[in-house]
């Protein structure tokens, strides 16, 4: 969810807005003269956005993601149950 607030209101309620944005991860679009000027987001959300942009701009990471998607589509993956069974077999061997 997102709020759109005029700059004058944001100035008057800045501390409250920071508290809400930080705790709810809601974003606030600040308008100046009725037009969007900036967006206030939590530090955690900004870090997540930057990490996402970094991955999306990394050709090797995007290739790996696409390869993973193709493997899943082809049924080439292990379930949690498969991994647990493998773990149990390995433990039994080393016992």
C-alpha atoms as a PDB file:
ATOM      1  CA  UNK A   1       0.000   0.000   0.000  1.00  0.00           C
ATOM      2  CA  UNK A   2       1.145   3.532  -0.630  1.00  0.00           C
ATOM      3  CA  UNK A   3       0.166   6.982   0.519  1.00  0.00           C
ATOM      4  CA  UNK A   4       0.424  10.184  -1.470  1.00  0.00           C
ATOM      5  CA  UNK A   5       0.955  13.261   0.680  1.00  0.00           C
ATOM      6  CA  UNK A   6       1.777  16.884  -0.070  1.00  0.00           C
ATOM      7  CA  UNK A   7       5.172  18.166   1.024  1.00  0.00           C
ATOM      8  CA  UNK A   8       3.580  20.554   3.523  1.00  0.00           C
ATOM      9  CA  UNK A   9       1.938  17.639   5.352  1.00  0.00           C
ATOM     10  CA  UNK A  10       5.116  15.561   5.250  1.00  0.00           C
ATOM     11  CA  UNK A  11       7.058  18.447   6.795  1.00  0.00           C
ATOM     12  CA  UNK A  12       4.534  18.736   9.611  1.00  0.00           C
ATOM     13  CA  UNK A  13       4.383  14.973  10.269  1.00  0.00           C
ATOM     14  CA  UNK A  14       7.858  13.821   9.232  1.00  0.00           C
ATOM     15  CA  UNK A  15       8.750  11.947  12.429  1.00  0.00           C
ATOM     16  CA  UNK A  16       5.407  10.128  12.411  1.00  0.00           C
ATOM     17  CA  UNK A  17       5.758   9.279   8.713  1.00  0.00           C
ATOM     18  CA  UNK A  18       9.259   7.889   9.266  1.00  0.00           C
ATOM     19  CA  UNK A  19       7.933   5.702  12.096  1.00  0.00           C
ATOM     20  CA  UNK A  20       5.088   4.374   9.928  1.00  0.00           C
ATOM     21  CA  UNK A  21       7.281   3.748   6.883  1.00  0.00           C
ATOM     22  CA  UNK A  22       9.923   2.009   9.001  1.00  0.00           C
ATOM     23  CA  UNK A  23       7.493  -0.267  10.800  1.00  0.00           C
ATOM     24  CA  UNK A  24       4.991  -1.078   8.028  1.00  0.00           C
ATOM     25  CA  UNK A  25       7.197  -0.953   4.917  1.00  0.00           C
ATOM     26  CA  UNK A  26       4.545   1.273   3.371  1.00  0.00           C
ATOM     27  CA  UNK A  27       5.899   3.885   1.003  1.00  0.00           C
ATOM     28  CA  UNK A  28       4.898   7.532   0.904  1.00  0.00           C
ATOM     29  CA  UNK A  29       4.957   9.526  -2.311  1.00  0.00           C
ATOM     30  CA  UNK A  30       5.604  13.175  -1.539  1.00  0.00           C
ATOM     31  CA  UNK A  31       4.093  15.687  -3.920  1.00  0.00           C
ATOM     32  CA  UNK A  32       5.197  19.230  -4.635  1.00  0.00           C
ATOM     33  CA  UNK A  33       2.688  21.440  -6.421  1.00  0.00           C
ATOM     34  CA  UNK A  34       0.506  18.370  -6.933  1.00  0.00           C
ATOM     35  CA  UNK A  35       3.164  16.339  -8.720  1.00  0.00           C
ATOM     36  CA  UNK A  36       5.174  13.400  -7.347  1.00  0.00           C
ATOM     37  CA  UNK A  37       8.585  14.648  -6.209  1.00  0.00           C
ATOM     38  CA  UNK A  38      10.109  11.904  -4.057  1.00  0.00           C
ATOM     39  CA  UNK A  39       9.193   8.606  -2.437  1.00  0.00           C
ATOM     40  CA  UNK A  40       9.954   7.787   1.189  1.00  0.00           C
ATOM     41  CA  UNK A  41      10.784   4.107   1.746  1.00  0.00           C
ATOM     42  CA  UNK A  42      12.314   2.260   4.686  1.00  0.00           C
ATOM     43  CA  UNK A  43      16.047   1.610   4.731  1.00  0.00           C
ATOM     44  CA  UNK A  44      15.353  -2.145   4.575  1.00  0.00           C
ATOM     45  CA  UNK A  45      13.142  -1.721   1.519  1.00  0.00           C
ATOM     46  CA  UNK A  46      15.720   0.494  -0.197  1.00  0.00           C
ATOM     47  CA  UNK A  47      18.419  -2.110   0.442  1.00  0.00           C
ATOM     48  CA  UNK A  48      16.171  -4.801  -1.066  1.00  0.00           C
ATOM     49  CA  UNK A  49      15.466  -2.613  -4.105  1.00  0.00           C
ATOM     50  CA  UNK A  50      19.176  -1.964  -4.634  1.00  0.00           C
ATOM     51  CA  UNK A  51      19.996  -5.682  -4.305  1.00  0.00           C
ATOM     52  CA  UNK A  52      17.272  -6.549  -6.812  1.00  0.00           C
ATOM     53  CA  UNK A  53      18.593  -3.971  -9.270  1.00  0.00           C
ATOM     54  CA  UNK A  54      22.101  -5.345  -8.810  1.00  0.00           C
ATOM     55  CA  UNK A  55      20.944  -8.881  -9.625  1.00  0.00           C
ATOM     56  CA  UNK A  56      18.847  -7.745 -12.580  1.00  0.00           C
ATOM     57  CA  UNK A  57      21.816  -5.869 -14.045  1.00  0.00           C
ATOM     58  CA  UNK A  58      24.222  -8.816 -13.634  1.00  0.00           C
ATOM     59  CA  UNK A  59      24.167 -10.936 -16.817  1.00  0.00           C
ATOM     60  CA  UNK A  60      25.726 -13.960 -15.074  1.00  0.00           C
ATOM     61  CA  UNK A  61      23.142 -13.862 -12.290  1.00  0.00           C
ATOM     62  CA  UNK A  62      20.303 -13.563 -14.788  1.00  0.00           C
ATOM     63  CA  UNK A  63      21.681 -16.523 -16.781  1.00  0.00           C
ATOM     64  CA  UNK A  64      21.819 -18.595 -13.593  1.00  0.00           C
ATOM     65  CA  UNK A  65      18.232 -17.641 -12.755  1.00  0.00           C
ATOM     66  CA  UNK A  66      17.050 -18.592 -16.240  1.00  0.00           C
ATOM     67  CA  UNK A  67      18.955 -21.888 -16.072  1.00  0.00           C
ATOM     68  CA  UNK A  68      17.304 -22.602 -12.741  1.00  0.00           C
ATOM     69  CA  UNK A  69      13.865 -21.837 -14.127  1.00  0.00           C
ATOM     70  CA  UNK A  70      14.515 -24.120 -17.099  1.00  0.00           C
ATOM     71  CA  UNK A  71      15.673 -26.916 -14.784  1.00  0.00           C
ATOM     72  CA  UNK A  72      12.519 -26.582 -12.697  1.00  0.00           C
ATOM     73  CA  UNK A  73      10.352 -26.593 -15.812  1.00  0.00           C
ATOM     74  CA  UNK A  74      12.122 -29.782 -16.942  1.00  0.00           C
ATOM     75  CA  UNK A  75      11.563 -31.407 -13.549  1.00  0.00           C
ATOM     76  CA  UNK A  76      15.268 -31.347 -12.730  1.00  0.00           C
ATOM     77  CA  UNK A  77      15.108 -30.439  -9.052  1.00  0.00           C
ATOM     78  CA  UNK A  78      15.073 -31.987  -5.588  1.00  0.00           C
ATOM     79  CA  UNK A  79      12.297 -31.593  -3.053  1.00  0.00           C
ATOM     80  CA  UNK A  80      12.868 -31.026   0.647  1.00  0.00           C
ATOM     81  CA  UNK A  81      11.899 -34.649   1.176  1.00  0.00           C
ATOM     82  CA  UNK A  82      14.529 -35.768  -1.356  1.00  0.00           C
ATOM     83  CA  UNK A  83      17.193 -33.789   0.487  1.00  0.00           C
ATOM     84  CA  UNK A  84      16.110 -35.136   3.871  1.00  0.00           C
ATOM     85  CA  UNK A  85      16.303 -38.708   2.550  1.00  0.00           C
ATOM     86  CA  UNK A  86      19.777 -38.040   1.146  1.00  0.00           C
ATOM     87  CA  UNK A  87      20.880 -36.561   4.465  1.00  0.00           C
ATOM     88  CA  UNK A  88      19.552 -39.613   6.313  1.00  0.00           C
ATOM     89  CA  UNK A  89      21.384 -41.995   3.935  1.00  0.00           C
ATOM     90  CA  UNK A  90      24.644 -40.086   4.373  1.00  0.00           C
ATOM     91  CA  UNK A  91      24.276 -40.109   8.148  1.00  0.00           C
ATOM     92  CA  UNK A  92      23.563 -43.849   8.121  1.00  0.00           C
ATOM     93  CA  UNK A  93      26.702 -44.469   6.051  1.00  0.00           C
ATOM     94  CA  UNK A  94      28.926 -42.529   8.422  1.00  0.00           C
ATOM     95  CA  UNK A  95      27.474 -44.182  11.544  1.00  0.00           C
END
